[in-house]
Amino acid sequence: MKINLKDIVKKIRSVNYRELFFGMLNEGNRWIIFVSLICMTLFCINLWYKYIYHSEWSEEAKKEYLNSQERGVLFDKERFNNVVSQQEKRKSEFEKESEKEEDIFRLGEKKPE
C-alpha cells in the first residue's frame, strides 16, 4: 500500500474547519462543547482556589528563599564617587553663565523706521 503525502495534505487543506465546527453545533453535538466549557471552568476555579487560598510556603521553601536573599548589596564606592563627580560637573556647567551668542537671524535688533 502506497501512501501519497501530497494527497493527504491536499485533503487536509481542503477541509473548511469553520463549517465543520458549526456543523457539529447544528447536528446536536452541543453537549460536547458544553462539557468542554464546564471542564475548563472547573479547572480555572481550581487553579484560582489553589493559588489564592492555599498559597502558603513550606518551611523548606521559606529557608531556601531566605538563603537566596542573604547575599546582600555590594556597595561600589568608586562607582558611586564617579557618579557624584559627574553630577557635580553637570551642576556647575548648568550654573555657569551662558555666553551671549551672535544673533545670526538678527532677531534682537530693532528695525529702523
N, C-alpha and C. Protein backbone atom coordinates (compact mmCIF):
# COMPACT_ATOMS: atom_id res chain seq x y z
N MET A 1 0.84 -1.17 0.00
CA MET A 1 0.00 0.00 0.00
C MET A 1 0.89 1.23 0.00
N LYS A 2 0.66 2.09 -0.96
CA LYS A 2 1.45 3.28 -1.12
C LYS A 2 0.65 4.48 -0.63
N ILE A 3 1.29 5.30 0.25
CA ILE A 3 0.64 6.48 0.79
C ILE A 3 1.24 7.70 0.10
N ASN A 4 0.36 8.48 -0.49
CA ASN A 4 0.80 9.68 -1.17
C ASN A 4 0.59 10.87 -0.22
N LEU A 5 1.69 11.44 0.23
CA LEU A 5 1.64 12.53 1.20
C LEU A 5 0.98 13.78 0.61
N LYS A 6 1.19 14.02 -0.65
CA LYS A 6 0.60 15.21 -1.28
C LYS A 6 -0.92 15.15 -1.26
N ASP A 7 -1.50 13.96 -1.50
CA ASP A 7 -2.96 13.82 -1.45
C ASP A 7 -3.49 14.06 -0.04
N ILE A 8 -2.77 13.59 0.97
CA ILE A 8 -3.21 13.79 2.36
C ILE A 8 -3.18 15.26 2.71
N VAL A 9 -2.11 15.96 2.34
CA VAL A 9 -2.01 17.39 2.62
C VAL A 9 -3.09 18.15 1.88
N LYS A 10 -3.37 17.76 0.64
CA LYS A 10 -4.41 18.42 -0.14
C LYS A 10 -5.78 18.24 0.51
N LYS A 11 -6.07 17.05 1.05
CA LYS A 11 -7.35 16.80 1.72
C LYS A 11 -7.46 17.61 3.01
N ILE A 12 -6.35 17.71 3.74
CA ILE A 12 -6.38 18.47 5.00
C ILE A 12 -6.61 19.95 4.71
N ARG A 13 -5.98 20.47 3.68
CA ARG A 13 -6.14 21.88 3.35
C ARG A 13 -7.51 22.19 2.75
N SER A 14 -8.14 21.22 2.16
CA SER A 14 -9.44 21.45 1.53
C SER A 14 -10.59 21.45 2.54
N VAL A 15 -10.35 21.00 3.76
CA VAL A 15 -11.40 20.96 4.77
C VAL A 15 -11.65 22.37 5.29
N ASN A 16 -12.89 22.76 5.32
CA ASN A 16 -13.27 24.05 5.86
C ASN A 16 -13.62 23.83 7.33
N TYR A 17 -12.73 24.21 8.22
CA TYR A 17 -12.88 23.91 9.64
C TYR A 17 -14.00 24.71 10.28
N ARG A 18 -14.27 25.89 9.76
CA ARG A 18 -15.37 26.69 10.29
C ARG A 18 -16.70 25.98 10.04
N GLU A 19 -16.90 25.50 8.84
CA GLU A 19 -18.14 24.76 8.52
C GLU A 19 -18.22 23.49 9.34
N LEU A 20 -17.10 22.83 9.53
CA LEU A 20 -17.07 21.60 10.32
C LEU A 20 -17.49 21.88 11.76
N PHE A 21 -16.95 22.96 12.36
CA PHE A 21 -17.26 23.29 13.74
C PHE A 21 -18.73 23.66 13.90
N PHE A 22 -19.21 24.58 13.06
CA PHE A 22 -20.60 25.00 13.19
C PHE A 22 -21.56 23.90 12.74
N GLY A 23 -21.11 23.02 11.87
CA GLY A 23 -21.93 21.86 11.52
C GLY A 23 -22.12 20.94 12.71
N MET A 24 -21.07 20.78 13.50
CA MET A 24 -21.18 19.99 14.73
C MET A 24 -22.20 20.61 15.68
N LEU A 25 -22.22 21.94 15.75
CA LEU A 25 -23.19 22.60 16.62
C LEU A 25 -24.62 22.36 16.15
N ASN A 26 -24.82 22.43 14.85
CA ASN A 26 -26.16 22.25 14.31
C ASN A 26 -26.62 20.80 14.35
N GLU A 27 -25.70 19.87 14.38
CA GLU A 27 -26.07 18.46 14.35
C GLU A 27 -26.38 17.90 15.74
N GLY A 28 -26.37 18.72 16.76
CA GLY A 28 -26.74 18.22 18.09
C GLY A 28 -25.55 17.86 18.96
N ASN A 29 -24.37 18.23 18.56
CA ASN A 29 -23.19 17.93 19.37
C ASN A 29 -22.85 19.07 20.32
N ARG A 30 -23.85 19.85 20.66
CA ARG A 30 -23.62 20.98 21.55
C ARG A 30 -23.18 20.52 22.94
N TRP A 31 -23.59 19.35 23.32
CA TRP A 31 -23.24 18.86 24.66
C TRP A 31 -21.73 18.67 24.79
N ILE A 32 -21.02 18.38 23.69
CA ILE A 32 -19.56 18.23 23.75
C ILE A 32 -18.93 19.58 24.10
N ILE A 33 -19.40 20.63 23.45
CA ILE A 33 -18.87 21.96 23.72
C ILE A 33 -19.26 22.41 25.13
N PHE A 34 -20.48 22.10 25.53
CA PHE A 34 -20.93 22.46 26.87
C PHE A 34 -20.09 21.76 27.94
N VAL A 35 -19.82 20.48 27.76
CA VAL A 35 -18.99 19.73 28.71
C VAL A 35 -17.56 20.28 28.72
N SER A 36 -17.04 20.63 27.55
CA SER A 36 -15.69 21.21 27.48
C SER A 36 -15.65 22.54 28.22
N LEU A 37 -16.65 23.35 28.06
CA LEU A 37 -16.73 24.64 28.75
C LEU A 37 -16.80 24.45 30.26
N ILE A 38 -17.61 23.49 30.70
CA ILE A 38 -17.72 23.21 32.14
C ILE A 38 -16.38 22.72 32.69
N CYS A 39 -15.69 21.85 31.95
CA CYS A 39 -14.38 21.34 32.40
C CYS A 39 -13.35 22.47 32.50
N MET A 40 -13.30 23.34 31.51
CA MET A 40 -12.36 24.46 31.56
C MET A 40 -12.69 25.39 32.72
N THR A 41 -13.96 25.64 32.96
CA THR A 41 -14.36 26.50 34.07
C THR A 41 -13.95 25.89 35.41
N LEU A 42 -14.19 24.60 35.59
CA LEU A 42 -13.79 23.94 36.83
C LEU A 42 -12.28 23.95 37.02
N PHE A 43 -11.56 23.76 35.95
CA PHE A 43 -10.10 23.79 36.03
C PHE A 43 -9.61 25.18 36.45
N CYS A 44 -10.18 26.23 35.87
CA CYS A 44 -9.78 27.59 36.23
C CYS A 44 -10.15 27.92 37.67
N ILE A 45 -11.30 27.47 38.12
CA ILE A 45 -11.69 27.70 39.51
C ILE A 45 -10.74 26.98 40.45
N ASN A 46 -10.35 25.76 40.07
CA ASN A 46 -9.40 25.01 40.89
C ASN A 46 -8.07 25.73 40.98
N LEU A 47 -7.55 26.25 39.87
CA LEU A 47 -6.29 27.00 39.89
C LEU A 47 -6.42 28.25 40.76
N TRP A 48 -7.51 28.96 40.59
CA TRP A 48 -7.73 30.17 41.38
C TRP A 48 -7.76 29.85 42.87
N TYR A 49 -8.48 28.82 43.24
CA TYR A 49 -8.57 28.42 44.64
C TYR A 49 -7.21 28.01 45.18
N LYS A 50 -6.45 27.27 44.39
CA LYS A 50 -5.14 26.79 44.83
C LYS A 50 -4.18 27.95 45.07
N TYR A 51 -4.12 28.91 44.15
CA TYR A 51 -3.15 29.99 44.25
C TYR A 51 -3.59 31.11 45.18
N ILE A 52 -4.87 31.24 45.46
CA ILE A 52 -5.33 32.29 46.36
C ILE A 52 -5.45 31.79 47.80
N TYR A 53 -6.07 30.67 48.01
CA TYR A 53 -6.35 30.21 49.36
C TYR A 53 -5.32 29.24 49.92
N HIS A 54 -4.54 28.61 49.08
CA HIS A 54 -3.52 27.67 49.56
C HIS A 54 -2.15 28.10 49.05
N SER A 55 -1.78 29.33 49.34
CA SER A 55 -0.52 29.84 48.81
C SER A 55 0.58 29.86 49.86
N GLU A 56 0.44 29.10 50.94
CA GLU A 56 1.47 29.09 51.98
C GLU A 56 2.71 28.35 51.48
N TRP A 57 3.85 28.80 51.99
CA TRP A 57 5.11 28.14 51.67
C TRP A 57 5.43 27.14 52.76
N SER A 58 6.10 26.07 52.38
CA SER A 58 6.59 25.12 53.38
C SER A 58 7.81 25.73 54.06
N GLU A 59 8.19 25.15 55.18
CA GLU A 59 9.35 25.66 55.91
C GLU A 59 10.62 25.56 55.06
N GLU A 60 10.73 24.49 54.31
CA GLU A 60 11.89 24.30 53.44
C GLU A 60 11.96 25.38 52.36
N ALA A 61 10.81 25.72 51.77
CA ALA A 61 10.78 26.75 50.73
C ALA A 61 11.12 28.11 51.33
N LYS A 62 10.65 28.39 52.55
CA LYS A 62 10.97 29.65 53.20
C LYS A 62 12.47 29.77 53.46
N LYS A 63 13.08 28.69 53.95
CA LYS A 63 14.51 28.71 54.23
C LYS A 63 15.31 28.90 52.95
N GLU A 64 14.90 28.24 51.89
CA GLU A 64 15.59 28.37 50.61
C GLU A 64 15.50 29.80 50.10
N TYR A 65 14.34 30.43 50.24
CA TYR A 65 14.18 31.81 49.81
C TYR A 65 15.06 32.74 50.64
N LEU A 66 15.07 32.55 51.95
CA LEU A 66 15.89 33.40 52.81
C LEU A 66 17.37 33.23 52.51
N ASN A 67 17.80 32.02 52.24
CA ASN A 67 19.21 31.78 51.89
C ASN A 67 19.58 32.46 50.58
N SER A 68 18.65 32.49 49.64
CA SER A 68 18.95 33.14 48.36
C SER A 68 19.00 34.65 48.50
N GLN A 69 18.32 35.21 49.52
CA GLN A 69 18.28 36.65 49.71
C GLN A 69 19.38 37.18 50.63
N GLU A 70 20.16 36.30 51.24
CA GLU A 70 21.18 36.72 52.19
C GLU A 70 22.44 37.28 51.54
N ARG A 71 22.50 37.32 50.26
CA ARG A 71 23.70 37.78 49.58
C ARG A 71 23.99 39.25 49.88
N GLY A 72 22.97 40.04 50.09
CA GLY A 72 23.15 41.44 50.43
C GLY A 72 23.48 42.28 49.22
N VAL A 73 23.72 43.55 49.49
CA VAL A 73 24.01 44.51 48.43
C VAL A 73 25.47 44.91 48.56
N LEU A 74 26.18 44.86 47.47
CA LEU A 74 27.57 45.29 47.45
C LEU A 74 27.62 46.75 47.04
N PHE A 75 28.29 47.55 47.85
CA PHE A 75 28.39 48.98 47.58
C PHE A 75 29.72 49.26 46.91
N ASP A 76 29.65 49.74 45.68
CA ASP A 76 30.85 50.07 44.92
C ASP A 76 31.13 51.56 45.13
N LYS A 77 32.02 51.85 46.08
CA LYS A 77 32.28 53.23 46.46
C LYS A 77 32.91 54.03 45.32
N GLU A 78 33.78 53.40 44.55
CA GLU A 78 34.44 54.09 43.43
C GLU A 78 33.43 54.52 42.38
N ARG A 79 32.53 53.62 42.06
CA ARG A 79 31.49 53.94 41.06
C ARG A 79 30.57 55.04 41.59
N PHE A 80 30.22 54.96 42.88
CA PHE A 80 29.37 55.98 43.49
C PHE A 80 30.05 57.35 43.42
N ASN A 81 31.32 57.40 43.77
CA ASN A 81 32.05 58.67 43.72
C ASN A 81 32.14 59.21 42.30
N ASN A 82 32.27 58.32 41.32
CA ASN A 82 32.32 58.72 39.91
C ASN A 82 30.99 59.36 39.50
N VAL A 83 29.88 58.75 39.92
CA VAL A 83 28.57 59.30 39.58
C VAL A 83 28.37 60.65 40.25
N VAL A 84 28.78 60.77 41.51
CA VAL A 84 28.63 62.04 42.24
C VAL A 84 29.45 63.13 41.57
N SER A 85 30.68 62.80 41.15
CA SER A 85 31.52 63.81 40.49
C SER A 85 30.91 64.24 39.15
N GLN A 86 30.35 63.29 38.39
CA GLN A 86 29.70 63.65 37.13
C GLN A 86 28.50 64.56 37.39
N GLN A 87 27.76 64.28 38.44
CA GLN A 87 26.59 65.09 38.77
C GLN A 87 27.02 66.49 39.19
N GLU A 88 28.08 66.59 39.94
CA GLU A 88 28.60 67.91 40.35
C GLU A 88 29.08 68.70 39.13
N LYS A 89 29.72 68.00 38.19
CA LYS A 89 30.19 68.66 36.96
C LYS A 89 29.02 69.22 36.16
N ARG A 90 27.96 68.45 36.04
CA ARG A 90 26.78 68.92 35.31
C ARG A 90 26.15 70.12 36.02
N LYS A 91 26.11 70.05 37.35
CA LYS A 91 25.53 71.14 38.13
C LYS A 91 26.33 72.43 37.93
N SER A 92 27.66 72.32 37.95
CA SER A 92 28.48 73.52 37.77
C SER A 92 28.34 74.08 36.35
N GLU A 93 28.21 73.21 35.35
CA GLU A 93 28.00 73.69 33.98
C GLU A 93 26.64 74.35 33.83
N PHE A 94 25.66 73.86 34.55
CA PHE A 94 24.32 74.45 34.48
C PHE A 94 24.30 75.83 35.12
N GLU A 95 25.02 75.97 36.23
CA GLU A 95 25.03 77.24 36.95
C GLU A 95 25.93 78.28 36.30
N LYS A 96 26.83 77.87 35.43
CA LYS A 96 27.75 78.78 34.77
C LYS A 96 26.98 79.74 33.86
N GLU A 97 27.43 80.99 33.83
CA GLU A 97 26.79 81.98 32.97
C GLU A 97 26.96 81.57 31.52
N SER A 98 25.88 81.66 30.79
CA SER A 98 25.98 81.33 29.38
C SER A 98 26.53 82.53 28.62
N GLU A 99 27.35 82.24 27.67
CA GLU A 99 27.93 83.32 26.86
C GLU A 99 26.91 83.77 25.83
N LYS A 100 26.90 85.06 25.57
CA LYS A 100 25.96 85.57 24.59
C LYS A 100 26.45 85.18 23.20
N GLU A 101 25.62 84.48 22.48
CA GLU A 101 25.95 84.03 21.14
C GLU A 101 25.54 85.11 20.14
N GLU A 102 26.17 85.10 19.01
CA GLU A 102 25.84 86.05 17.96
C GLU A 102 24.46 85.71 17.42
N ASP A 103 23.65 86.72 17.25
CA ASP A 103 22.30 86.55 16.74
C ASP A 103 22.36 86.47 15.22
N ILE A 104 22.41 85.26 14.68
CA ILE A 104 22.60 85.11 13.24
C ILE A 104 21.37 85.50 12.44
N PHE A 105 20.20 85.52 13.05
CA PHE A 105 19.00 85.89 12.33
C PHE A 105 18.62 87.36 12.56
N ARG A 106 19.39 88.03 13.37
CA ARG A 106 19.17 89.44 13.68
C ARG A 106 17.77 89.68 14.27
N LEU A 107 17.37 88.78 15.15
CA LEU A 107 16.04 88.91 15.76
C LEU A 107 16.05 89.92 16.89
N GLY A 108 17.20 90.13 17.50
CA GLY A 108 17.27 91.02 18.65
C GLY A 108 17.40 92.48 18.24
N GLU A 109 17.67 92.78 16.99
CA GLU A 109 17.85 94.16 16.54
C GLU A 109 16.51 94.79 16.20
N LYS A 110 16.42 96.06 16.48
CA LYS A 110 15.21 96.80 16.10
C LYS A 110 15.35 97.29 14.66
N LYS A 111 14.28 97.25 13.96
CA LYS A 111 14.29 97.73 12.56
C LYS A 111 14.15 99.25 12.55
N PRO A 112 14.92 99.89 11.72
CA PRO A 112 14.76 101.35 11.61
C PRO A 112 13.45 101.68 10.91
N GLU A 113 12.84 102.70 11.39
CA GLU A 113 11.54 103.08 10.79
C GLU A 113 11.66 104.23 9.84
